[in-house]
Amino acid sequence: MQVIFESRDAAATPMRDMSIERVRFVLRRIATLVPRAKVQFSDVNGPRGGVDKRCQVELSTQAAGTVVIASLAHDWRTALDRSLTRASRVLMRSVQRNQKPKRGLRLSRLTVPGGANE
């Protein structure tokens, strides 16, 4: 799995290695479904403080398309963990939805041309 880290804020740069490790750890069971993950950090308010650390996680998949989740928190780690939790939950739900057969559909008997079923 390829993990891309982006941040325009210099304070988030030390979070790079930890973020990549967290993404790989959280998505370890579904890593075959996610060939590329992108993590973006940004500081919404700048130096004013408050709940302004934004983490956006983008998971690109073949089965479910692209899943993009963003979250705000007081610190980078919390924002990352919230985004990863929601993104993995949304991805699993959409994959399971695609795998389930439609309710009420039944397989008809197999008909063989020229066989006993005709």
PDB file of N, CA and C in Angstrom:
ATOM      1  N   MET A   1       0.844  -1.172   0.000  1.00  0.00           N
ATOM      2  CA  MET A   1       0.000   0.000   0.000  1.00  0.00           C
ATOM      3  C   MET A   1       0.892   1.238   0.000  1.00  0.00           C
ATOM      4  N   GLN A   2       0.569   2.150  -0.876  1.00  0.00           N
ATOM      5  CA  GLN A   2       1.298   3.405  -0.962  1.00  0.00           C
ATOM      6  C   GLN A   2       0.601   4.430  -0.071  1.00  0.00           C
ATOM      7  N   VAL A   3       1.345   5.065   0.820  1.00  0.00           N
ATOM      8  CA  VAL A   3       0.795   6.078   1.720  1.00  0.00           C
ATOM      9  C   VAL A   3       1.461   7.407   1.378  1.00  0.00           C
ATOM     10  N   ILE A   4       0.634   8.397   1.063  1.00  0.00           N
ATOM     11  CA  ILE A   4       1.120   9.726   0.704  1.00  0.00           C
ATOM     12  C   ILE A   4       0.778  10.676   1.848  1.00  0.00           C
ATOM     13  N   PHE A   5       1.765  11.449   2.299  1.00  0.00           N
ATOM     14  CA  PHE A   5       1.571  12.400   3.391  1.00  0.00           C
ATOM     15  C   PHE A   5       1.758  13.803   2.849  1.00  0.00           C
ATOM     16  N   GLU A   6       0.806  14.692   3.142  1.00  0.00           N
ATOM     17  CA  GLU A   6       0.898  16.086   2.718  1.00  0.00           C
ATOM     18  C   GLU A   6       0.548  16.992   3.881  1.00  0.00           C
ATOM     19  N   SER A   7       1.336  18.068   4.029  1.00  0.00           N
ATOM     20  CA  SER A   7       1.033  19.068   5.044  1.00  0.00           C
ATOM     21  C   SER A   7       1.681  20.382   4.655  1.00  0.00           C
ATOM     22  N   ARG A   8       0.917  21.448   4.746  1.00  0.00           N
ATOM     23  CA  ARG A   8       1.464  22.783   4.496  1.00  0.00           C
ATOM     24  C   ARG A   8       1.942  23.423   5.792  1.00  0.00           C
ATOM     25  N   ASP A   9       1.531  22.849   6.906  1.00  0.00           N
ATOM     26  CA  ASP A   9       1.893  23.378   8.209  1.00  0.00           C
ATOM     27  C   ASP A   9       3.194  22.734   8.679  1.00  0.00           C
ATOM     28  N   ALA A  10       4.166  23.564   9.056  1.00  0.00           N
ATOM     29  CA  ALA A  10       5.470  23.051   9.481  1.00  0.00           C
ATOM     30  C   ALA A  10       5.371  22.274  10.793  1.00  0.00           C
ATOM     31  N   ALA A  11       4.383  22.573  11.616  1.00  0.00           N
ATOM     32  CA  ALA A  11       4.233  21.884  12.900  1.00  0.00           C
ATOM     33  C   ALA A  11       3.768  20.444  12.710  1.00  0.00           C
ATOM     34  N   ALA A  12       3.181  20.134  11.592  1.00  0.00           N
ATOM     35  CA  ALA A  12       2.677  18.780  11.340  1.00  0.00           C
ATOM     36  C   ALA A  12       3.724  17.878  10.705  1.00  0.00           C
ATOM     37  N   THR A  13       4.821  18.431  10.249  1.00  0.00           N
ATOM     38  CA  THR A  13       5.852  17.638   9.584  1.00  0.00           C
ATOM     39  C   THR A  13       6.417  16.528  10.466  1.00  0.00           C
ATOM     40  N   PRO A  14       6.652  16.763  11.770  1.00  0.00           N
ATOM     41  CA  PRO A  14       7.141  15.655  12.616  1.00  0.00           C
ATOM     42  C   PRO A  14       6.148  14.491  12.733  1.00  0.00           C
ATOM     43  N   MET A  15       4.907  14.691  12.372  1.00  0.00           N
ATOM     44  CA  MET A  15       3.883  13.655  12.447  1.00  0.00           C
ATOM     45  C   MET A  15       3.941  12.710  11.241  1.00  0.00           C
ATOM     46  N   ARG A  16       4.811  12.966  10.284  1.00  0.00           N
ATOM     47  CA  ARG A  16       4.840  12.203   9.036  1.00  0.00           C
ATOM     48  C   ARG A  16       5.037  10.707   9.263  1.00  0.00           C
ATOM     49  N   ASP A  17       6.103  10.323   9.930  1.00  0.00           N
ATOM     50  CA  ASP A  17       6.398   8.897  10.128  1.00  0.00           C
ATOM     51  C   ASP A  17       5.323   8.211  10.962  1.00  0.00           C
ATOM     52  N   MET A  18       4.879   8.892  12.020  1.00  0.00           N
ATOM     53  CA  MET A  18       3.838   8.313  12.869  1.00  0.00           C
ATOM     54  C   MET A  18       2.530   8.143  12.094  1.00  0.00           C
ATOM     55  N   SER A  19       2.204   9.091  11.242  1.00  0.00           N
ATOM     56  CA  SER A  19       0.971   9.011  10.452  1.00  0.00           C
ATOM     57  C   SER A  19       1.007   7.834   9.485  1.00  0.00           C
ATOM     58  N   ILE A  20       2.133   7.644   8.825  1.00  0.00           N
ATOM     59  CA  ILE A  20       2.257   6.534   7.878  1.00  0.00           C
ATOM     60  C   ILE A  20       2.148   5.200   8.609  1.00  0.00           C
ATOM     61  N   GLU A  21       2.767   5.098   9.782  1.00  0.00           N
ATOM     62  CA  GLU A  21       2.662   3.869  10.578  1.00  0.00           C
ATOM     63  C   GLU A  21       1.234   3.616  11.031  1.00  0.00           C
ATOM     64  N   ARG A  22       0.522   4.671  11.450  1.00  0.00           N
ATOM     65  CA  ARG A  22      -0.864   4.522  11.897  1.00  0.00           C
ATOM     66  C   ARG A  22      -1.764   4.079  10.753  1.00  0.00           C
ATOM     67  N   VAL A  23      -1.572   4.643   9.580  1.00  0.00           N
ATOM     68  CA  VAL A  23      -2.388   4.255   8.420  1.00  0.00           C
ATOM     69  C   VAL A  23      -2.164   2.782   8.098  1.00  0.00           C
ATOM     70  N   ARG A  24      -0.920   2.363   8.067  1.00  0.00           N
ATOM     71  CA  ARG A  24      -0.621   0.960   7.768  1.00  0.00           C
ATOM     72  C   ARG A  24      -1.176   0.028   8.843  1.00  0.00           C
ATOM     73  N   PHE A  25      -1.126   0.453  10.108  1.00  0.00           N
ATOM     74  CA  PHE A  25      -1.624  -0.386  11.199  1.00  0.00           C
ATOM     75  C   PHE A  25      -3.147  -0.508  11.146  1.00  0.00           C
ATOM     76  N   VAL A  26      -3.839   0.607  10.989  1.00  0.00           N
ATOM     77  CA  VAL A  26      -5.306   0.587  10.995  1.00  0.00           C
ATOM     78  C   VAL A  26      -5.857  -0.169   9.794  1.00  0.00           C
ATOM     79  N   LEU A  27      -5.210  -0.039   8.651  1.00  0.00           N
ATOM     80  CA  LEU A  27      -5.716  -0.655   7.424  1.00  0.00           C
ATOM     81  C   LEU A  27      -5.044  -1.992   7.112  1.00  0.00           C
ATOM     82  N   ARG A  28      -4.364  -2.600   8.068  1.00  0.00           N
ATOM     83  CA  ARG A  28      -3.601  -3.822   7.805  1.00  0.00           C
ATOM     84  C   ARG A  28      -4.483  -4.970   7.339  1.00  0.00           C
ATOM     85  N   ARG A  29      -5.705  -5.067   7.811  1.00  0.00           N
ATOM     86  CA  ARG A  29      -6.580  -6.182   7.427  1.00  0.00           C
ATOM     87  C   ARG A  29      -7.211  -5.989   6.056  1.00  0.00           C
ATOM     88  N   ILE A  30      -7.330  -4.742   5.648  1.00  0.00           N
ATOM     89  CA  ILE A  30      -7.945  -4.473   4.353  1.00  0.00           C
ATOM     90  C   ILE A  30      -6.949  -3.838   3.386  1.00  0.00           C
ATOM     91  N   ALA A  31      -5.671  -4.065   3.623  1.00  0.00           N
ATOM     92  CA  ALA A  31      -4.622  -3.457   2.790  1.00  0.00           C
ATOM     93  C   ALA A  31      -4.704  -3.915   1.341  1.00  0.00           C
ATOM     94  N   THR A  32      -5.223  -5.109   1.101  1.00  0.00           N
ATOM     95  CA  THR A  32      -5.345  -5.581  -0.276  1.00  0.00           C
ATOM     96  C   THR A  32      -6.409  -4.805  -1.050  1.00  0.00           C
ATOM     97  N   LEU A  33      -7.363  -4.221  -0.342  1.00  0.00           N
ATOM     98  CA  LEU A  33      -8.418  -3.432  -0.985  1.00  0.00           C
ATOM     99  C   LEU A  33      -7.982  -1.994  -1.263  1.00  0.00           C
ATOM    100  N   VAL A  34      -6.975  -1.512  -0.516  1.00  0.00           N
ATOM    101  CA  VAL A  34      -6.578  -0.105  -0.591  1.00  0.00           C
ATOM    102  C   VAL A  34      -5.153  -0.004  -1.131  1.00  0.00           C
ATOM    103  N   PRO A  35      -4.992   0.217  -2.435  1.00  0.00           N
ATOM    104  CA  PRO A  35      -3.639   0.339  -2.969  1.00  0.00           C
ATOM    105  C   PRO A  35      -2.983   1.683  -2.640  1.00  0.00           C
ATOM    106  N   ARG A  36      -3.816   2.730  -2.374  1.00  0.00           N
ATOM    107  CA  ARG A  36      -3.245   4.054  -2.123  1.00  0.00           C
ATOM    108  C   ARG A  36      -4.049   4.774  -1.056  1.00  0.00           C
ATOM    109  N   ALA A  37      -3.333   5.348  -0.086  1.00  0.00           N
ATOM    110  CA  ALA A  37      -3.950   6.156   0.962  1.00  0.00           C
ATOM    111  C   ALA A  37      -3.230   7.495   1.012  1.00  0.00           C
ATOM    112  N   LYS A  38      -4.011   8.551   1.198  1.00  0.00           N
ATOM    113  CA  LYS A  38      -3.441   9.895   1.239  1.00  0.00           C
ATOM    114  C   LYS A  38      -3.882  10.571   2.530  1.00  0.00           C
ATOM    115  N   VAL A  39      -2.925  11.144   3.267  1.00  0.00           N
ATOM    116  CA  VAL A  39      -3.205  11.832   4.522  1.00  0.00           C
ATOM    117  C   VAL A  39      -2.790  13.288   4.363  1.00  0.00           C
ATOM    118  N   GLN A  40      -3.719  14.200   4.657  1.00  0.00           N
ATOM    119  CA  GLN A  40      -3.431  15.628   4.561  1.00  0.00           C
ATOM    120  C   GLN A  40      -3.709  16.285   5.898  1.00  0.00           C
ATOM    121  N   PHE A  41      -2.742  17.046   6.401  1.00  0.00           N
ATOM    122  CA  PHE A  41      -2.902  17.816   7.628  1.00  0.00           C
ATOM    123  C   PHE A  41      -2.957  19.291   7.281  1.00  0.00           C
ATOM    124  N   SER A  42      -3.842  20.021   7.964  1.00  0.00           N
ATOM    125  CA  SER A  42      -3.884  21.472   7.800  1.00  0.00           C
ATOM    126  C   SER A  42      -4.344  22.102   9.112  1.00  0.00           C
ATOM    127  N   ASP A  43      -3.898  23.318   9.332  1.00  0.00           N
ATOM    128  CA  ASP A  43      -4.278  24.083  10.513  1.00  0.00           C
ATOM    129  C   ASP A  43      -5.286  25.132  10.062  1.00  0.00           C
ATOM    130  N   VAL A  44      -6.538  24.981  10.481  1.00  0.00           N
ATOM    131  CA  VAL A  44      -7.620  25.816   9.968  1.00  0.00           C
ATOM    132  C   VAL A  44      -7.492  27.259  10.434  1.00  0.00           C
ATOM    133  N   ASN A  45      -7.286  27.488  11.730  1.00  0.00           N
ATOM    134  CA  ASN A  45      -7.256  28.844  12.285  1.00  0.00           C
ATOM    135  C   ASN A  45      -5.879  29.482  12.266  1.00  0.00           C
ATOM    136  N   GLY A  46      -4.857  28.715  12.027  1.00  0.00           N
ATOM    137  CA  GLY A  46      -3.505  29.260  12.131  1.00  0.00           C
ATOM    138  C   GLY A  46      -3.080  29.306  13.590  1.00  0.00           C
ATOM    139  N   PRO A  47      -2.381  30.340  14.008  1.00  0.00           N
ATOM    140  CA  PRO A  47      -1.855  30.381  15.382  1.00  0.00           C
ATOM    141  C   PRO A  47      -2.882  30.756  16.455  1.00  0.00           C
ATOM    142  N   ARG A  48      -4.138  30.980  16.100  1.00  0.00           N
ATOM    143  CA  ARG A  48      -5.135  31.411  17.086  1.00  0.00           C
ATOM    144  C   ARG A  48      -5.529  30.321  18.066  1.00  0.00           C
ATOM    145  N   GLY A  49      -5.363  29.061  17.704  1.00  0.00           N
ATOM    146  CA  GLY A  49      -5.688  27.965  18.617  1.00  0.00           C
ATOM    147  C   GLY A  49      -7.117  27.493  18.449  1.00  0.00           C
ATOM    148  N   GLY A  50      -7.548  26.645  19.379  1.00  0.00           N
ATOM    149  CA  GLY A  50      -8.897  26.090  19.325  1.00  0.00           C
ATOM    150  C   GLY A  50      -8.906  24.760  18.606  1.00  0.00           C
ATOM    151  N   VAL A  51     -10.124  24.289  18.304  1.00  0.00           N
ATOM    152  CA  VAL A  51     -10.274  23.028  17.578  1.00  0.00           C
ATOM    153  C   VAL A  51     -10.037  23.334  16.109  1.00  0.00           C
ATOM    154  N   ASP A  52      -8.796  23.244  15.703  1.00  0.00           N
ATOM    155  CA  ASP A  52      -8.476  23.697  14.355  1.00  0.00           C
ATOM    156  C   ASP A  52      -7.504  22.799  13.608  1.00  0.00           C
ATOM    157  N   LYS A  53      -7.153  21.665  14.154  1.00  0.00           N
ATOM    158  CA  LYS A  53      -6.274  20.739  13.443  1.00  0.00           C
ATOM    159  C   LYS A  53      -7.146  19.836  12.580  1.00  0.00           C
ATOM    160  N   ARG A  54      -6.947  19.885  11.280  1.00  0.00           N
ATOM    161  CA  ARG A  54      -7.783  19.135  10.344  1.00  0.00           C
ATOM    162  C   ARG A  54      -6.962  18.030   9.701  1.00  0.00           C
ATOM    163  N   CYS A  55      -7.518  16.835   9.688  1.00  0.00           N
ATOM    164  CA  CYS A  55      -6.884  15.697   9.034  1.00  0.00           C
ATOM    165  C   CYS A  55      -7.873  15.136   8.018  1.00  0.00           C
ATOM    166  N   GLN A  56      -7.402  14.998   6.795  1.00  0.00           N
ATOM    167  CA  GLN A  56      -8.233  14.415   5.743  1.00  0.00           C
ATOM    168  C   GLN A  56      -7.558  13.145   5.249  1.00  0.00           C
ATOM    169  N   VAL A  57      -8.315  12.054   5.249  1.00  0.00           N
ATOM    170  CA  VAL A  57      -7.816  10.760   4.789  1.00  0.00           C
ATOM    171  C   VAL A  57      -8.582  10.388   3.532  1.00  0.00           C
ATOM    172  N   GLU A  58      -7.844  10.041   2.488  1.00  0.00           N
ATOM    173  CA  GLU A  58      -8.440   9.650   1.210  1.00  0.00           C
ATOM    174  C   GLU A  58      -7.953   8.244   0.882  1.00  0.00           C
ATOM    175  N   LEU A  59      -8.883   7.300   0.785  1.00  0.00           N
ATOM    176  CA  LEU A  59      -8.559   5.918   0.464  1.00  0.00           C
ATOM    177  C   LEU A  59      -9.057   5.622  -0.943  1.00  0.00           C
ATOM    178  N   SER A  60      -8.165   5.248  -1.823  1.00  0.00           N
ATOM    179  CA  SER A  60      -8.527   4.915  -3.204  1.00  0.00           C
ATOM    180  C   SER A  60      -8.621   3.400  -3.332  1.00  0.00           C
ATOM    181  N   THR A  61      -9.769   2.921  -3.784  1.00  0.00           N
ATOM    182  CA  THR A  61      -9.980   1.483  -3.928  1.00  0.00           C
ATOM    183  C   THR A  61     -10.570   1.166  -5.288  1.00  0.00           C
ATOM    184  N   GLN A  62     -10.433  -0.073  -5.691  1.00  0.00           N
ATOM    185  CA  GLN A  62     -11.055  -0.550  -6.921  1.00  0.00           C
ATOM    186  C   GLN A  62     -12.521  -0.881  -6.672  1.00  0.00           C
ATOM    187  N   ALA A  63     -12.807  -1.509  -5.526  1.00  0.00           N
ATOM    188  CA  ALA A  63     -14.147  -2.021  -5.250  1.00  0.00           C
ATOM    189  C   ALA A  63     -15.133  -0.927  -4.867  1.00  0.00           C
ATOM    190  N   ALA A  64     -14.710   0.036  -4.056  1.00  0.00           N
ATOM    191  CA  ALA A  64     -15.648   1.020  -3.518  1.00  0.00           C
ATOM    192  C   ALA A  64     -15.387   2.433  -4.001  1.00  0.00           C
ATOM    193  N   GLY A  65     -14.496   2.621  -4.937  1.00  0.00           N
ATOM    194  CA  GLY A  65     -14.190   3.964  -5.404  1.00  0.00           C
ATOM    195  C   GLY A  65     -13.258   4.669  -4.440  1.00  0.00           C
ATOM    196  N   THR A  66     -13.457   5.963  -4.253  1.00  0.00           N
ATOM    197  CA  THR A  66     -12.622   6.748  -3.354  1.00  0.00           C
ATOM    198  C   THR A  66     -13.429   7.145  -2.132  1.00  0.00           C
ATOM    199  N   VAL A  67     -12.848   6.925  -0.956  1.00  0.00           N
ATOM    200  CA  VAL A  67     -13.475   7.298   0.310  1.00  0.00           C
ATOM    201  C   VAL A  67     -12.658   8.444   0.888  1.00  0.00           C
ATOM    202  N   VAL A  68     -13.316   9.590   1.147  1.00  0.00           N
ATOM    203  CA  VAL A  68     -12.645  10.764   1.697  1.00  0.00           C
ATOM    204  C   VAL A  68     -13.335  11.139   3.000  1.00  0.00           C
ATOM    205  N   ILE A  69     -12.545  11.200   4.080  1.00  0.00           N
ATOM    206  CA  ILE A  69     -13.066  11.550   5.399  1.00  0.00           C
ATOM    207  C   ILE A  69     -12.165  12.625   5.994  1.00  0.00           C
ATOM    208  N   ALA A  70     -12.759  13.659   6.585  1.00  0.00           N
ATOM    209  CA  ALA A  70     -12.003  14.715   7.258  1.00  0.00           C
ATOM    210  C   ALA A  70     -12.541  14.879   8.674  1.00  0.00           C
ATOM    211  N   SER A  71     -11.652  15.244   9.591  1.00  0.00           N
ATOM    212  CA  SER A  71     -12.082  15.488  10.967  1.00  0.00           C
ATOM    213  C   SER A  71     -11.253  16.606  11.574  1.00  0.00           C
ATOM    214  N   LEU A  72     -11.844  17.279  12.567  1.00  0.00           N
ATOM    215  CA  LEU A  72     -11.198  18.364  13.294  1.00  0.00           C
ATOM    216  C   LEU A  72     -10.976  17.945  14.731  1.00  0.00           C
ATOM    217  N   ALA A  73      -9.858  18.387  15.312  1.00  0.00           N
ATOM    218  CA  ALA A  73      -9.574  18.082  16.717  1.00  0.00           C
ATOM    219  C   ALA A  73      -8.590  19.122  17.253  1.00  0.00           C
ATOM    220  N   HIS A  74      -8.301  19.006  18.565  1.00  0.00           N
ATOM    221  CA  HIS A  74      -7.342  19.912  19.195  1.00  0.00           C
ATOM    222  C   HIS A  74      -5.911  19.595  18.801  1.00  0.00           C
ATOM    223  N   ASP A  75      -5.627  18.315  18.523  1.00  0.00           N
ATOM    224  CA  ASP A  75      -4.259  17.938  18.168  1.00  0.00           C
ATOM    225  C   ASP A  75      -4.287  17.024  16.942  1.00  0.00           C
ATOM    226  N   TRP A  76      -3.115  16.865  16.315  1.00  0.00           N
ATOM    227  CA  TRP A  76      -3.003  16.111  15.084  1.00  0.00           C
ATOM    228  C   TRP A  76      -3.334  14.643  15.264  1.00  0.00           C
ATOM    229  N   ARG A  77      -2.860  14.061  16.362  1.00  0.00           N
ATOM    230  CA  ARG A  77      -3.038  12.617  16.585  1.00  0.00           C
ATOM    231  C   ARG A  77      -4.513  12.248  16.692  1.00  0.00           C
ATOM    232  N   THR A  78      -5.263  13.031  17.447  1.00  0.00           N
ATOM    233  CA  THR A  78      -6.693  12.761  17.605  1.00  0.00           C
ATOM    234  C   THR A  78      -7.423  12.906  16.272  1.00  0.00           C
ATOM    235  N   ALA A  79      -7.086  13.932  15.515  1.00  0.00           N
ATOM    236  CA  ALA A  79      -7.718  14.137  14.210  1.00  0.00           C
ATOM    237  C   ALA A  79      -7.407  12.966  13.267  1.00  0.00           C
ATOM    238  N   LEU A  80      -6.165  12.497  13.302  1.00  0.00           N
ATOM    239  CA  LEU A  80      -5.783  11.361  12.460  1.00  0.00           C
ATOM    240  C   LEU A  80      -6.534  10.098  12.861  1.00  0.00           C
ATOM    241  N   ASP A  81      -6.581   9.808  14.149  1.00  0.00           N
ATOM    242  CA  ASP A  81      -7.259   8.595  14.613  1.00  0.00           C
ATOM    243  C   ASP A  81      -8.754   8.621  14.290  1.00  0.00           C
ATOM    244  N   ARG A  82      -9.380   9.763  14.459  1.00  0.00           N
ATOM    245  CA  ARG A  82     -10.816   9.866  14.124  1.00  0.00           C
ATOM    246  C   ARG A  82     -11.058   9.657  12.633  1.00  0.00           C
ATOM    247  N   SER A  83     -10.222  10.260  11.810  1.00  0.00           N
ATOM    248  CA  SER A  83     -10.380  10.118  10.360  1.00  0.00           C
ATOM    249  C   SER A  83     -10.163   8.677   9.921  1.00  0.00           C
ATOM    250  N   LEU A  84      -9.138   8.035  10.460  1.00  0.00           N
ATOM    251  CA  LEU A  84      -8.856   6.651  10.078  1.00  0.00           C
ATOM    252  C   LEU A  84      -9.967   5.703  10.529  1.00  0.00           C
ATOM    253  N   THR A  85     -10.486   5.932  11.723  1.00  0.00           N
ATOM    254  CA  THR A  85     -11.571   5.079  12.226  1.00  0.00           C
ATOM    255  C   THR A  85     -12.794   5.185  11.328  1.00  0.00           C
ATOM    256  N   ARG A  86     -13.201   6.401  11.018  1.00  0.00           N
ATOM    257  CA  ARG A  86     -14.375   6.593  10.176  1.00  0.00           C
ATOM    258  C   ARG A  86     -14.151   6.089   8.754  1.00  0.00           C
ATOM    259  N   ALA A  87     -12.968   6.349   8.197  1.00  0.00           N
ATOM    260  CA  ALA A  87     -12.688   5.930   6.827  1.00  0.00           C
ATOM    261  C   ALA A  87     -12.701   4.409   6.701  1.00  0.00           C
ATOM    262  N   SER A  88     -12.105   3.713   7.655  1.00  0.00           N
ATOM    263  CA  SER A  88     -12.098   2.245   7.578  1.00  0.00           C
ATOM    264  C   SER A  88     -13.499   1.690   7.759  1.00  0.00           C
ATOM    265  N   ARG A  89     -14.306   2.304   8.628  1.00  0.00           N
ATOM    266  CA  ARG A  89     -15.677   1.845   8.830  1.00  0.00           C
ATOM    267  C   ARG A  89     -16.520   2.060   7.571  1.00  0.00           C
ATOM    268  N   VAL A  90     -16.384   3.225   6.947  1.00  0.00           N
ATOM    269  CA  VAL A  90     -17.134   3.525   5.725  1.00  0.00           C
ATOM    270  C   VAL A  90     -16.705   2.588   4.598  1.00  0.00           C
ATOM    271  N   LEU A  91     -15.418   2.343   4.482  1.00  0.00           N
ATOM    272  CA  LEU A  91     -14.917   1.461   3.430  1.00  0.00           C
ATOM    273  C   LEU A  91     -15.432   0.044   3.614  1.00  0.00           C
ATOM    274  N   MET A  92     -15.377  -0.472   4.822  1.00  0.00           N
ATOM    275  CA  MET A  92     -15.868  -1.834   5.070  1.00  0.00           C
ATOM    276  C   MET A  92     -17.363  -1.939   4.808  1.00  0.00           C
ATOM    277  N   ARG A  93     -18.119  -0.934   5.188  1.00  0.00           N
ATOM    278  CA  ARG A  93     -19.564  -0.946   4.962  1.00  0.00           C
ATOM    279  C   ARG A  93     -19.876  -0.954   3.470  1.00  0.00           C
ATOM    280  N   SER A  94     -19.157  -0.162   2.684  1.00  0.00           N
ATOM    281  CA  SER A  94     -19.441  -0.122   1.254  1.00  0.00           C
ATOM    282  C   SER A  94     -19.000  -1.409   0.556  1.00  0.00           C
ATOM    283  N   VAL A  95     -17.900  -2.005   0.994  1.00  0.00           N
ATOM    284  CA  VAL A  95     -17.465  -3.271   0.410  1.00  0.00           C
ATOM    285  C   VAL A  95     -18.457  -4.373   0.741  1.00  0.00           C
ATOM    286  N   GLN A  96     -18.926  -4.416   1.987  1.00  0.00           N
ATOM    287  CA  GLN A  96     -19.910  -5.425   2.378  1.00  0.00           C
ATOM    288  C   GLN A  96     -21.222  -5.232   1.631  1.00  0.00           C
ATOM    289  N   ARG A  97     -21.597  -3.997   1.403  1.00  0.00           N
ATOM    290  CA  ARG A  97     -22.836  -3.713   0.685  1.00  0.00           C
ATOM    291  C   ARG A  97     -22.747  -4.219  -0.751  1.00  0.00           C
ATOM    292  N   ASN A  98     -21.567  -4.089  -1.355  1.00  0.00           N
ATOM    293  CA  ASN A  98     -21.385  -4.554  -2.727  1.00  0.00           C
ATOM    294  C   ASN A  98     -21.331  -6.071  -2.825  1.00  0.00           C
ATOM    295  N   GLN A  99     -20.935  -6.752  -1.754  1.00  0.00           N
ATOM    296  CA  GLN A  99     -20.806  -8.207  -1.786  1.00  0.00           C
ATOM    297  C   GLN A  99     -22.108  -8.925  -1.474  1.00  0.00           C
ATOM    298  N   LYS A 100     -23.014  -8.299  -0.755  1.00  0.00           N
ATOM    299  CA  LYS A 100     -24.256  -8.963  -0.370  1.00  0.00           C
ATOM    300  C   LYS A 100     -25.167  -9.137  -1.576  1.00  0.00           C
ATOM    301  N   PRO A 101     -25.790 -10.298  -1.695  1.00  0.00           N
ATOM    302  CA  PRO A 101     -26.764 -10.466  -2.781  1.00  0.00           C
ATOM    303  C   PRO A 101     -28.027  -9.671  -2.455  1.00  0.00           C
ATOM    304  N   LYS A 102     -28.726  -9.281  -3.467  1.00  0.00           N
ATOM    305  CA  LYS A 102     -29.970  -8.541  -3.277  1.00  0.00           C
ATOM    306  C   LYS A 102     -31.006  -9.433  -2.623  1.00  0.00           C
ATOM    307  N   ARG A 103     -31.784  -8.876  -1.730  1.00  0.00           N
ATOM    308  CA  ARG A 103     -32.794  -9.634  -1.011  1.00  0.00           C
ATOM    309  C   ARG A 103     -33.909 -10.049  -1.968  1.00  0.00           C
ATOM    310  N   GLY A 104     -34.324 -11.273  -1.850  1.00  0.00           N
ATOM    311  CA  GLY A 104     -35.434 -11.761  -2.647  1.00  0.00           C
ATOM    312  C   GLY A 104     -35.015 -12.417  -3.951  1.00  0.00           C
ATOM    313  N   LEU A 105     -33.770 -12.311  -4.335  1.00  0.00           N
ATOM    314  CA  LEU A 105     -33.326 -12.966  -5.561  1.00  0.00           C
ATOM    315  C   LEU A 105     -32.995 -14.422  -5.264  1.00  0.00           C
ATOM    316  N   ARG A 106     -33.522 -15.277  -6.077  1.00  0.00           N
ATOM    317  CA  ARG A 106     -33.242 -16.701  -5.907  1.00  0.00           C
ATOM    318  C   ARG A 106     -32.702 -17.242  -7.214  1.00  0.00           C
ATOM    319  N   LEU A 107     -31.849 -18.214  -7.074  1.00  0.00           N
ATOM    320  CA  LEU A 107     -31.316 -18.840  -8.274  1.00  0.00           C
ATOM    321  C   LEU A 107     -32.351 -19.817  -8.813  1.00  0.00           C
ATOM    322  N   SER A 108     -32.639 -19.703 -10.086  1.00  0.00           N
ATOM    323  CA  SER A 108     -33.565 -20.656 -10.694  1.00  0.00           C
ATOM    324  C   SER A 108     -32.813 -21.950 -10.969  1.00  0.00           C
ATOM    325  N   ARG A 109     -33.575 -22.987 -11.241  1.00  0.00           N
ATOM    326  CA  ARG A 109     -32.932 -24.271 -11.524  1.00  0.00           C
ATOM    327  C   ARG A 109     -32.085 -24.149 -12.768  1.00  0.00           C
ATOM    328  N   LEU A 110     -30.984 -24.826 -12.725  1.00  0.00           N
ATOM    329  CA  LEU A 110     -30.067 -24.821 -13.852  1.00  0.00           C
ATOM    330  C   LEU A 110     -30.694 -25.593 -15.004  1.00  0.00           C
ATOM    331  N   THR A 111     -30.804 -24.939 -16.147  1.00  0.00           N
ATOM    332  CA  THR A 111     -31.363 -25.625 -17.314  1.00  0.00           C
ATOM    333  C   THR A 111     -30.234 -25.957 -18.271  1.00  0.00           C
ATOM    334  N   VAL A 112     -30.194 -27.151 -18.672  1.00  0.00           N
ATOM    335  CA  VAL A 112     -29.180 -27.611 -19.617  1.00  0.00           C
ATOM    336  C   VAL A 112     -29.865 -27.769 -20.966  1.00  0.00           C
ATOM    337  N   PRO A 113     -29.360 -27.097 -22.016  1.00  0.00           N
ATOM    338  CA  PRO A 113     -30.002 -27.230 -23.327  1.00  0.00           C
ATOM    339  C   PRO A 113     -29.945 -28.672 -23.824  1.00  0.00           C
ATOM    340  N   GLY A 114     -31.088 -29.156 -24.207  1.00  0.00           N
ATOM    341  CA  GLY A 114     -31.178 -30.519 -24.728  1.00  0.00           C
ATOM    342  C   GLY A 114     -31.145 -31.570 -23.634  1.00  0.00           C
ATOM    343  N   GLY A 115     -31.242 -31.136 -22.398  1.00  0.00           N
ATOM    344  CA  GLY A 115     -31.154 -32.077 -21.279  1.00  0.00           C
ATOM    345  C   GLY A 115     -32.514 -32.442 -20.723  1.00  0.00           C
ATOM    346  N   ALA A 116     -32.538 -33.007 -19.549  1.00  0.00           N
ATOM    347  CA  ALA A 116     -33.758 -33.497 -18.921  1.00  0.00           C
ATOM    348  C   ALA A 116     -34.618 -32.367 -18.396  1.00  0.00           C
ATOM    349  N   ASN A 117     -34.064 -31.163 -18.226  1.00  0.00           N
ATOM    350  CA  ASN A 117     -34.829 -30.065 -17.638  1.00  0.00           C
ATOM    351  C   ASN A 117     -35.758 -29.384 -18.651  1.00  0.00           C
ATOM    352  N   GLU A 118     -35.626 -29.660 -19.914  1.00  0.00           N
ATOM    353  CA  GLU A 118     -36.455 -28.973 -20.906  1.00  0.00           C
ATOM    354  C   GLU A 118     -37.729 -29.706 -21.183  1.00  0.00           C
TER     355      GLU A 118
END
